[in-house]
């Protein structure tokens, strides 16, 4: 009977607490969803062999490309319902605990790229034991809990030595509340399109037409993995029962590349508490760094 009640509770939570990465900040400036390929719904992907694992299913084209300086910080923002940026609800609720991961892929044109190019990881916030917890891993520290404490925001430092050009950035939550069996994990992801410029570059971009010129560039081209192919449903960080005690957790995917960020859950905020500049999406952007 208890098992039936737990299963029913988790099913209700799963339906009620779906979510979307839907907004992006660049160095503290709010770009809203202008650079985000918005999924058609807030439902998760559950098939790790599907092409939808790249940037989600039924995505809409982003209105523009965002720019970021060498070593700059982008902030991904997740909420349960499209257009909702309130902090009164958890970014993803229903005890959807799990890691928060961010990947990037270099592409020839972020407006048309399909995500079939190789990806590398630039951020991860996984699991850490809570000293006072003697029970289920639900009560430990998780990347999702860090994100929820920041109103759905996660700061991601872009490695400063990446080659200049167009990129897709893929933010992902792997919810593990029903991951005790293969195929039970839920993957929530969105892709943002942006271009990366290095110090000394001069950039001219007319956003309405997605025109840009980028000169200069770095030399770092990290090793990559393909999506799908990145995960298996049997991976220990994907097939796991977090409703019992665990002694460790293997974060899915490759290691974070040099210059990226590995966060230990529960050890500090994953976002700057003040985000002051909203809606500054100018028609023309000039940058001379």
C-alpha atoms as a PDB file:
ATOM      1  CA  UNK A   1       0.000   0.000   0.000  1.00  0.00           C
ATOM      2  CA  UNK A   2       2.810   2.389   0.902  1.00  0.00           C
ATOM      3  CA  UNK A   3       4.513   1.638  -2.428  1.00  0.00           C
ATOM      4  CA  UNK A   4       1.281   2.417  -4.277  1.00  0.00           C
ATOM      5  CA  UNK A   5       0.874   5.704  -2.427  1.00  0.00           C
ATOM      6  CA  UNK A   6       4.491   6.689  -3.148  1.00  0.00           C
ATOM      7  CA  UNK A   7       4.119   5.815  -6.840  1.00  0.00           C
ATOM      8  CA  UNK A   8       0.908   7.826  -7.101  1.00  0.00           C
ATOM      9  CA  UNK A   9       2.478  10.801  -5.327  1.00  0.00           C
ATOM     10  CA  UNK A  10       5.504  10.783  -7.622  1.00  0.00           C
ATOM     11  CA  UNK A  11       3.267  10.551 -10.693  1.00  0.00           C
ATOM     12  CA  UNK A  12       1.282  13.602  -9.574  1.00  0.00           C
ATOM     13  CA  UNK A  13       4.487  15.512  -8.826  1.00  0.00           C
ATOM     14  CA  UNK A  14       5.893  14.578 -12.225  1.00  0.00           C
ATOM     15  CA  UNK A  15       2.942  16.076 -14.067  1.00  0.00           C
ATOM     16  CA  UNK A  16       2.619  19.155 -11.868  1.00  0.00           C
ATOM     17  CA  UNK A  17       6.244  20.243 -11.786  1.00  0.00           C
ATOM     18  CA  UNK A  18       7.585  20.170 -15.321  1.00  0.00           C
ATOM     19  CA  UNK A  19       9.754  23.139 -16.253  1.00  0.00           C
ATOM     20  CA  UNK A  20      11.673  25.014 -18.976  1.00  0.00           C
ATOM     21  CA  UNK A  21      14.974  26.876 -19.230  1.00  0.00           C
ATOM     22  CA  UNK A  22      13.471  29.938 -20.897  1.00  0.00           C
ATOM     23  CA  UNK A  23      15.548  33.066 -20.218  1.00  0.00           C
ATOM     24  CA  UNK A  24      19.179  34.140 -20.500  1.00  0.00           C
ATOM     25  CA  UNK A  25      21.277  36.881 -18.903  1.00  0.00           C
ATOM     26  CA  UNK A  26      24.669  38.017 -20.226  1.00  0.00           C
ATOM     27  CA  UNK A  27      27.024  39.607 -17.697  1.00  0.00           C
ATOM     28  CA  UNK A  28      24.058  40.645 -15.557  1.00  0.00           C
ATOM     29  CA  UNK A  29      21.986  42.024 -18.444  1.00  0.00           C
ATOM     30  CA  UNK A  30      18.631  40.358 -19.028  1.00  0.00           C
ATOM     31  CA  UNK A  31      18.093  39.136 -22.597  1.00  0.00           C
ATOM     32  CA  UNK A  32      14.781  37.492 -21.697  1.00  0.00           C
ATOM     33  CA  UNK A  33      14.023  34.639 -24.135  1.00  0.00           C
ATOM     34  CA  UNK A  34      15.296  36.395 -27.269  1.00  0.00           C
ATOM     35  CA  UNK A  35      18.259  34.017 -27.642  1.00  0.00           C
ATOM     36  CA  UNK A  36      16.494  30.849 -26.432  1.00  0.00           C
ATOM     37  CA  UNK A  37      15.074  28.138 -28.668  1.00  0.00           C
ATOM     38  CA  UNK A  38      11.863  27.698 -26.704  1.00  0.00           C
ATOM     39  CA  UNK A  39      10.491  24.154 -26.486  1.00  0.00           C
ATOM     40  CA  UNK A  40       6.860  23.597 -27.410  1.00  0.00           C
ATOM     41  CA  UNK A  41       6.000  22.462 -23.868  1.00  0.00           C
ATOM     42  CA  UNK A  42       7.496  22.084 -20.404  1.00  0.00           C
ATOM     43  CA  UNK A  43       7.489  18.282 -20.630  1.00  0.00           C
ATOM     44  CA  UNK A  44      10.766  16.361 -20.290  1.00  0.00           C
ATOM     45  CA  UNK A  45      12.643  14.166 -22.728  1.00  0.00           C
ATOM     46  CA  UNK A  46      13.003  10.609 -21.411  1.00  0.00           C
ATOM     47  CA  UNK A  47      14.617   8.787 -24.359  1.00  0.00           C
ATOM     48  CA  UNK A  48      18.399   9.198 -24.227  1.00  0.00           C
ATOM     49  CA  UNK A  49      18.696   7.963 -27.827  1.00  0.00           C
ATOM     50  CA  UNK A  50      16.424  10.676 -29.239  1.00  0.00           C
ATOM     51  CA  UNK A  51      17.662  13.696 -31.188  1.00  0.00           C
ATOM     52  CA  UNK A  52      15.332  15.718 -28.941  1.00  0.00           C
ATOM     53  CA  UNK A  53      17.943  15.267 -26.218  1.00  0.00           C
ATOM     54  CA  UNK A  54      20.001  17.948 -27.990  1.00  0.00           C
ATOM     55  CA  UNK A  55      17.773  20.998 -27.597  1.00  0.00           C
ATOM     56  CA  UNK A  56      14.356  19.548 -26.669  1.00  0.00           C
ATOM     57  CA  UNK A  57      11.331  18.834 -28.873  1.00  0.00           C
ATOM     58  CA  UNK A  58       9.298  21.171 -31.069  1.00  0.00           C
ATOM     59  CA  UNK A  59      11.547  24.157 -30.465  1.00  0.00           C
ATOM     60  CA  UNK A  60      10.840  27.594 -31.894  1.00  0.00           C
ATOM     61  CA  UNK A  61      13.583  29.614 -33.579  1.00  0.00           C
ATOM     62  CA  UNK A  62      15.256  32.168 -31.327  1.00  0.00           C
ATOM     63  CA  UNK A  63      14.744  35.799 -32.279  1.00  0.00           C
ATOM     64  CA  UNK A  64      18.422  36.729 -32.147  1.00  0.00           C
ATOM     65  CA  UNK A  65      21.922  35.771 -31.099  1.00  0.00           C
ATOM     66  CA  UNK A  66      23.404  37.043 -27.865  1.00  0.00           C
ATOM     67  CA  UNK A  67      27.046  38.031 -27.524  1.00  0.00           C
ATOM     68  CA  UNK A  68      29.381  37.279 -24.652  1.00  0.00           C
ATOM     69  CA  UNK A  69      32.890  38.493 -23.934  1.00  0.00           C
ATOM     70  CA  UNK A  70      35.899  36.289 -23.300  1.00  0.00           C
ATOM     71  CA  UNK A  71      35.601  34.986 -19.755  1.00  0.00           C
ATOM     72  CA  UNK A  72      32.119  36.456 -19.429  1.00  0.00           C
ATOM     73  CA  UNK A  73      29.197  34.999 -17.507  1.00  0.00           C
ATOM     74  CA  UNK A  74      25.844  33.901 -18.832  1.00  0.00           C
ATOM     75  CA  UNK A  75      22.968  33.099 -16.502  1.00  0.00           C
ATOM     76  CA  UNK A  76      20.407  30.511 -17.519  1.00  0.00           C
ATOM     77  CA  UNK A  77      16.968  30.826 -15.940  1.00  0.00           C
ATOM     78  CA  UNK A  78      14.367  28.081 -15.450  1.00  0.00           C
ATOM     79  CA  UNK A  79      10.689  28.277 -14.455  1.00  0.00           C
ATOM     80  CA  UNK A  80       7.764  25.894 -14.445  1.00  0.00           C
ATOM     81  CA  UNK A  81       5.483  27.729 -16.889  1.00  0.00           C
ATOM     82  CA  UNK A  82       6.275  29.707 -20.062  1.00  0.00           C
ATOM     83  CA  UNK A  83       6.597  33.415 -19.336  1.00  0.00           C
ATOM     84  CA  UNK A  84       6.559  32.951 -15.554  1.00  0.00           C
ATOM     85  CA  UNK A  85       9.550  34.576 -13.836  1.00  0.00           C
ATOM     86  CA  UNK A  86       8.068  34.742 -10.346  1.00  0.00           C
ATOM     87  CA  UNK A  87      10.179  33.586  -7.412  1.00  0.00           C
ATOM     88  CA  UNK A  88       7.100  32.519  -5.438  1.00  0.00           C
ATOM     89  CA  UNK A  89       7.287  29.023  -6.971  1.00  0.00           C
ATOM     90  CA  UNK A  90      10.289  26.739  -7.207  1.00  0.00           C
ATOM     91  CA  UNK A  91      11.981  26.792 -10.603  1.00  0.00           C
ATOM     92  CA  UNK A  92      11.310  23.069 -10.828  1.00  0.00           C
ATOM     93  CA  UNK A  93       9.257  21.610  -8.008  1.00  0.00           C
ATOM     94  CA  UNK A  94       7.823  18.259  -7.057  1.00  0.00           C
ATOM     95  CA  UNK A  95      11.076  17.022  -5.524  1.00  0.00           C
ATOM     96  CA  UNK A  96      12.603  16.857  -9.020  1.00  0.00           C
ATOM     97  CA  UNK A  97      16.096  16.634  -7.548  1.00  0.00           C
ATOM     98  CA  UNK A  98      19.146  15.972  -9.666  1.00  0.00           C
ATOM     99  CA  UNK A  99      22.156  17.654 -11.288  1.00  0.00           C
ATOM    100  CA  UNK A 100      22.253  20.889 -13.268  1.00  0.00           C
ATOM    101  CA  UNK A 101      24.575  20.702 -16.277  1.00  0.00           C
ATOM    102  CA  UNK A 102      25.567  23.100 -19.065  1.00  0.00           C
ATOM    103  CA  UNK A 103      27.161  22.173 -22.386  1.00  0.00           C
ATOM    104  CA  UNK A 104      28.366  24.136 -25.404  1.00  0.00           C
ATOM    105  CA  UNK A 105      28.998  23.313 -29.038  1.00  0.00           C
ATOM    106  CA  UNK A 106      30.785  25.426 -31.636  1.00  0.00           C
ATOM    107  CA  UNK A 107      28.797  25.811 -34.831  1.00  0.00           C
ATOM    108  CA  UNK A 108      29.111  27.623 -38.140  1.00  0.00           C
ATOM    109  CA  UNK A 109      25.783  29.442 -37.674  1.00  0.00           C
ATOM    110  CA  UNK A 110      23.881  29.312 -34.383  1.00  0.00           C
ATOM    111  CA  UNK A 111      20.667  30.310 -36.157  1.00  0.00           C
ATOM    112  CA  UNK A 112      20.513  27.109 -38.212  1.00  0.00           C
ATOM    113  CA  UNK A 113      22.670  24.607 -36.276  1.00  0.00           C
ATOM    114  CA  UNK A 114      20.873  21.373 -35.369  1.00  0.00           C
ATOM    115  CA  UNK A 115      23.096  20.332 -32.458  1.00  0.00           C
ATOM    116  CA  UNK A 116      24.675  17.401 -34.281  1.00  0.00           C
ATOM    117  CA  UNK A 117      28.159  18.848 -33.728  1.00  0.00           C
ATOM    118  CA  UNK A 118      30.250  17.775 -30.735  1.00  0.00           C
ATOM    119  CA  UNK A 119      29.431  19.135 -27.252  1.00  0.00           C
ATOM    120  CA  UNK A 120      31.629  19.856 -24.241  1.00  0.00           C
ATOM    121  CA  UNK A 121      30.618  20.507 -20.637  1.00  0.00           C
ATOM    122  CA  UNK A 122      31.298  23.900 -19.036  1.00  0.00           C
ATOM    123  CA  UNK A 123      29.303  23.616 -15.795  1.00  0.00           C
ATOM    124  CA  UNK A 124      28.055  20.977 -13.394  1.00  0.00           C
ATOM    125  CA  UNK A 125      26.365  21.064  -9.994  1.00  0.00           C
ATOM    126  CA  UNK A 126      25.566  17.534  -8.877  1.00  0.00           C
ATOM    127  CA  UNK A 127      25.160  15.929  -5.443  1.00  0.00           C
ATOM    128  CA  UNK A 128      26.723  16.287  -2.010  1.00  0.00           C
ATOM    129  CA  UNK A 129      25.844  14.541   1.259  1.00  0.00           C
ATOM    130  CA  UNK A 130      24.050  16.483   3.967  1.00  0.00           C
ATOM    131  CA  UNK A 131      25.835  15.774   7.232  1.00  0.00           C
ATOM    132  CA  UNK A 132      22.625  15.576   9.256  1.00  0.00           C
ATOM    133  CA  UNK A 133      20.860  13.318   6.753  1.00  0.00           C
ATOM    134  CA  UNK A 134      20.738   9.653   7.694  1.00  0.00           C
ATOM    135  CA  UNK A 135      17.941   8.792   5.288  1.00  0.00           C
ATOM    136  CA  UNK A 136      17.021   9.170   1.635  1.00  0.00           C
ATOM    137  CA  UNK A 137      19.173  11.088  -0.840  1.00  0.00           C
ATOM    138  CA  UNK A 138      16.200  13.394  -1.449  1.00  0.00           C
ATOM    139  CA  UNK A 139      17.338  15.129   1.731  1.00  0.00           C
ATOM    140  CA  UNK A 140      20.919  15.662   0.525  1.00  0.00           C
ATOM    141  CA  UNK A 141      22.224  18.653  -1.442  1.00  0.00           C
ATOM    142  CA  UNK A 142      21.512  18.729  -5.177  1.00  0.00           C
ATOM    143  CA  UNK A 143      22.177  21.107  -8.050  1.00  0.00           C
ATOM    144  CA  UNK A 144      18.419  21.566  -8.462  1.00  0.00           C
ATOM    145  CA  UNK A 145      18.133  22.765  -4.850  1.00  0.00           C
ATOM    146  CA  UNK A 146      20.892  25.328  -5.475  1.00  0.00           C
ATOM    147  CA  UNK A 147      19.067  26.545  -8.584  1.00  0.00           C
ATOM    148  CA  UNK A 148      15.711  26.725  -6.797  1.00  0.00           C
ATOM    149  CA  UNK A 149      17.291  28.851  -4.074  1.00  0.00           C
ATOM    150  CA  UNK A 150      18.316  31.362  -6.785  1.00  0.00           C
ATOM    151  CA  UNK A 151      14.863  31.769  -8.342  1.00  0.00           C
ATOM    152  CA  UNK A 152      15.798  29.421 -11.177  1.00  0.00           C
ATOM    153  CA  UNK A 153      19.050  31.168 -12.098  1.00  0.00           C
ATOM    154  CA  UNK A 154      22.465  29.573 -12.562  1.00  0.00           C
ATOM    155  CA  UNK A 155      25.591  31.589 -13.441  1.00  0.00           C
ATOM    156  CA  UNK A 156      27.865  29.936 -16.005  1.00  0.00           C
ATOM    157  CA  UNK A 157      31.348  31.275 -16.677  1.00  0.00           C
ATOM    158  CA  UNK A 158      32.389  30.891 -20.306  1.00  0.00           C
ATOM    159  CA  UNK A 159      35.981  29.626 -20.600  1.00  0.00           C
ATOM    160  CA  UNK A 160      38.093  32.567 -21.722  1.00  0.00           C
ATOM    161  CA  UNK A 161      40.286  30.718 -24.221  1.00  0.00           C
ATOM    162  CA  UNK A 162      37.590  29.303 -26.483  1.00  0.00           C
ATOM    163  CA  UNK A 163      37.817  30.038 -30.178  1.00  0.00           C
ATOM    164  CA  UNK A 164      35.651  32.968 -31.255  1.00  0.00           C
ATOM    165  CA  UNK A 165      32.499  32.327 -33.242  1.00  0.00           C
ATOM    166  CA  UNK A 166      28.952  31.011 -32.980  1.00  0.00           C
ATOM    167  CA  UNK A 167      27.918  28.555 -30.272  1.00  0.00           C
ATOM    168  CA  UNK A 168      24.874  26.813 -28.914  1.00  0.00           C
ATOM    169  CA  UNK A 169      24.673  26.640 -25.135  1.00  0.00           C
ATOM    170  CA  UNK A 170      22.594  23.784 -23.702  1.00  0.00           C
ATOM    171  CA  UNK A 171      21.322  24.040 -20.104  1.00  0.00           C
ATOM    172  CA  UNK A 172      19.979  20.829 -18.578  1.00  0.00           C
ATOM    173  CA  UNK A 173      18.378  19.439 -15.439  1.00  0.00           C
ATOM    174  CA  UNK A 174      18.271  15.672 -14.988  1.00  0.00           C
ATOM    175  CA  UNK A 175      15.373  14.997 -12.613  1.00  0.00           C
ATOM    176  CA  UNK A 176      15.860  11.741 -10.718  1.00  0.00           C
ATOM    177  CA  UNK A 177      12.634  11.431  -8.723  1.00  0.00           C
ATOM    178  CA  UNK A 178      11.474   8.484 -10.877  1.00  0.00           C
ATOM    179  CA  UNK A 179      14.929   7.245 -11.925  1.00  0.00           C
ATOM    180  CA  UNK A 180      14.930   3.994  -9.971  1.00  0.00           C
ATOM    181  CA  UNK A 181      14.370   2.110 -13.218  1.00  0.00           C
ATOM    182  CA  UNK A 182      15.856   2.471 -16.699  1.00  0.00           C
ATOM    183  CA  UNK A 183      14.025   5.165 -18.647  1.00  0.00           C
ATOM    184  CA  UNK A 184      12.717   6.841 -15.511  1.00  0.00           C
ATOM    185  CA  UNK A 185      15.019   9.877 -15.465  1.00  0.00           C
ATOM    186  CA  UNK A 186      13.600  13.103 -16.884  1.00  0.00           C
ATOM    187  CA  UNK A 187      15.741  15.468 -18.964  1.00  0.00           C
ATOM    188  CA  UNK A 188      14.816  19.151 -19.129  1.00  0.00           C
ATOM    189  CA  UNK A 189      16.929  21.197 -21.515  1.00  0.00           C
ATOM    190  CA  UNK A 190      16.910  24.248 -23.749  1.00  0.00           C
ATOM    191  CA  UNK A 191      19.479  25.667 -26.150  1.00  0.00           C
ATOM    192  CA  UNK A 192      20.520  29.309 -26.428  1.00  0.00           C
ATOM    193  CA  UNK A 193      22.333  30.696 -29.442  1.00  0.00           C
ATOM    194  CA  UNK A 194      25.108  33.198 -29.053  1.00  0.00           C
ATOM    195  CA  UNK A 195      28.444  34.270 -30.387  1.00  0.00           C
ATOM    196  CA  UNK A 196      31.635  34.453 -28.434  1.00  0.00           C
ATOM    197  CA  UNK A 197      34.175  37.222 -28.940  1.00  0.00           C
ATOM    198  CA  UNK A 198      37.644  37.538 -27.533  1.00  0.00           C
ATOM    199  CA  UNK A 199      39.445  40.590 -26.211  1.00  0.00           C
ATOM    200  CA  UNK A 200      40.424  42.799 -29.143  1.00  0.00           C
ATOM    201  CA  UNK A 201      37.528  41.696 -31.331  1.00  0.00           C
ATOM    202  CA  UNK A 202      35.260  44.253 -32.942  1.00  0.00           C
ATOM    203  CA  UNK A 203      31.687  43.059 -33.329  1.00  0.00           C
ATOM    204  CA  UNK A 204      28.835  44.597 -35.309  1.00  0.00           C
ATOM    205  CA  UNK A 205      25.476  42.868 -35.077  1.00  0.00           C
ATOM    206  CA  UNK A 206      22.061  43.844 -36.315  1.00  0.00           C
ATOM    207  CA  UNK A 207      19.873  41.594 -34.239  1.00  0.00           C
ATOM    208  CA  UNK A 208      16.698  41.745 -36.274  1.00  0.00           C
ATOM    209  CA  UNK A 209      18.542  40.236 -39.215  1.00  0.00           C
ATOM    210  CA  UNK A 210      20.986  38.071 -37.246  1.00  0.00           C
ATOM    211  CA  UNK A 211      23.913  39.674 -39.069  1.00  0.00           C
ATOM    212  CA  UNK A 212      27.260  39.641 -37.342  1.00  0.00           C
ATOM    213  CA  UNK A 213      30.941  39.940 -37.982  1.00  0.00           C
ATOM    214  CA  UNK A 214      33.479  38.527 -35.553  1.00  0.00           C
ATOM    215  CA  UNK A 215      37.227  38.938 -35.949  1.00  0.00           C
ATOM    216  CA  UNK A 216      39.994  37.402 -33.895  1.00  0.00           C
ATOM    217  CA  UNK A 217      39.715  34.165 -31.953  1.00  0.00           C
ATOM    218  CA  UNK A 218      41.258  31.843 -29.418  1.00  0.00           C
ATOM    219  CA  UNK A 219      42.800  28.445 -29.905  1.00  0.00           C
ATOM    220  CA  UNK A 220      41.055  26.124 -27.469  1.00  0.00           C
ATOM    221  CA  UNK A 221      38.838  23.508 -29.091  1.00  0.00           C
ATOM    222  CA  UNK A 222      37.914  21.064 -26.294  1.00  0.00           C
ATOM    223  CA  UNK A 223      37.289  17.361 -26.815  1.00  0.00           C
ATOM    224  CA  UNK A 224      33.618  16.724 -27.498  1.00  0.00           C
ATOM    225  CA  UNK A 225      30.843  14.158 -27.235  1.00  0.00           C
ATOM    226  CA  UNK A 226      27.801  13.681 -29.461  1.00  0.00           C
ATOM    227  CA  UNK A 227      24.166  14.020 -28.434  1.00  0.00           C
ATOM    228  CA  UNK A 228      22.530  11.530 -28.501  1.00  0.00           C
ATOM    229  CA  UNK A 229      25.252   9.129 -27.405  1.00  0.00           C
ATOM    230  CA  UNK A 230      26.203  11.223 -24.397  1.00  0.00           C
ATOM    231  CA  UNK A 231      24.198   9.135 -21.921  1.00  0.00           C
ATOM    232  CA  UNK A 232      22.958   5.578 -21.465  1.00  0.00           C
ATOM    233  CA  UNK A 233      19.777   4.830 -19.542  1.00  0.00           C
ATOM    234  CA  UNK A 234      21.816   2.463 -17.365  1.00  0.00           C
ATOM    235  CA  UNK A 235      24.446   5.052 -16.364  1.00  0.00           C
ATOM    236  CA  UNK A 236      24.794   5.166 -12.565  1.00  0.00           C
ATOM    237  CA  UNK A 237      24.001   8.866 -12.457  1.00  0.00           C
ATOM    238  CA  UNK A 238      20.828   8.340 -14.510  1.00  0.00           C
ATOM    239  CA  UNK A 239      19.442   5.056 -13.140  1.00  0.00           C
ATOM    240  CA  UNK A 240      19.433   5.643  -9.381  1.00  0.00           C
ATOM    241  CA  UNK A 241      16.948   5.493  -6.519  1.00  0.00           C
ATOM    242  CA  UNK A 242      17.265   8.777  -4.646  1.00  0.00           C
ATOM    243  CA  UNK A 243      14.471   7.791  -2.264  1.00  0.00           C
ATOM    244  CA  UNK A 244      16.966   5.670  -0.358  1.00  0.00           C
ATOM    245  CA  UNK A 245      20.340   6.557   1.126  1.00  0.00           C
ATOM    246  CA  UNK A 246      23.312   6.824  -1.268  1.00  0.00           C
ATOM    247  CA  UNK A 247      27.015   6.971  -0.511  1.00  0.00           C
ATOM    248  CA  UNK A 248      28.048   8.681  -3.736  1.00  0.00           C
ATOM    249  CA  UNK A 249      26.817   9.995  -7.046  1.00  0.00           C
ATOM    250  CA  UNK A 250      28.393   9.875 -10.511  1.00  0.00           C
ATOM    251  CA  UNK A 251      27.504  13.017 -12.466  1.00  0.00           C
ATOM    252  CA  UNK A 252      26.472  12.001 -15.990  1.00  0.00           C
ATOM    253  CA  UNK A 253      28.512  13.038 -18.995  1.00  0.00           C
ATOM    254  CA  UNK A 254      32.160  14.010 -19.470  1.00  0.00           C
ATOM    255  CA  UNK A 255      34.277  16.060 -17.098  1.00  0.00           C
ATOM    256  CA  UNK A 256      33.990  19.837 -17.159  1.00  0.00           C
ATOM    257  CA  UNK A 257      36.563  21.383 -19.499  1.00  0.00           C
ATOM    258  CA  UNK A 258      39.409  23.575 -18.260  1.00  0.00           C
ATOM    259  CA  UNK A 259      38.107  27.032 -17.468  1.00  0.00           C
ATOM    260  CA  UNK A 260      34.616  25.729 -16.716  1.00  0.00           C
ATOM    261  CA  UNK A 261      32.926  25.411 -13.325  1.00  0.00           C
ATOM    262  CA  UNK A 262      32.365  22.422 -11.053  1.00  0.00           C
ATOM    263  CA  UNK A 263      30.086  23.399  -8.182  1.00  0.00           C
ATOM    264  CA  UNK A 264      29.641  21.459  -4.935  1.00  0.00           C
ATOM    265  CA  UNK A 265      25.953  21.619  -4.003  1.00  0.00           C
ATOM    266  CA  UNK A 266      25.067  23.421  -0.801  1.00  0.00           C
ATOM    267  CA  UNK A 267      28.320  25.420  -0.636  1.00  0.00           C
ATOM    268  CA  UNK A 268      27.094  28.823  -1.788  1.00  0.00           C
ATOM    269  CA  UNK A 269      24.839  30.551  -4.273  1.00  0.00           C
ATOM    270  CA  UNK A 270      24.915  29.555  -7.936  1.00  0.00           C
ATOM    271  CA  UNK A 271      23.817  33.027  -9.008  1.00  0.00           C
ATOM    272  CA  UNK A 272      24.602  36.630  -8.226  1.00  0.00           C
ATOM    273  CA  UNK A 273      21.762  37.876  -6.047  1.00  0.00           C
ATOM    274  CA  UNK A 274      21.388  41.159  -7.933  1.00  0.00           C
ATOM    275  CA  UNK A 275      20.368  41.159 -11.592  1.00  0.00           C
ATOM    276  CA  UNK A 276      19.601  44.768 -12.325  1.00  0.00           C
ATOM    277  CA  UNK A 277      19.318  45.370 -16.068  1.00  0.00           C
ATOM    278  CA  UNK A 278      16.248  43.838 -17.670  1.00  0.00           C
ATOM    279  CA  UNK A 279      15.177  44.057 -21.286  1.00  0.00           C
ATOM    280  CA  UNK A 280      18.226  45.789 -22.760  1.00  0.00           C
ATOM    281  CA  UNK A 281      18.020  44.169 -26.187  1.00  0.00           C
ATOM    282  CA  UNK A 282      19.182  46.988 -28.427  1.00  0.00           C
ATOM    283  CA  UNK A 283      18.664  47.020 -32.168  1.00  0.00           C
ATOM    284  CA  UNK A 284      22.369  47.575 -32.701  1.00  0.00           C
ATOM    285  CA  UNK A 285      25.229  46.216 -30.648  1.00  0.00           C
ATOM    286  CA  UNK A 286      28.740  47.624 -30.924  1.00  0.00           C
ATOM    287  CA  UNK A 287      31.624  46.165 -28.968  1.00  0.00           C
ATOM    288  CA  UNK A 288      35.266  47.124 -29.010  1.00  0.00           C
ATOM    289  CA  UNK A 289      37.105  45.311 -26.264  1.00  0.00           C
END
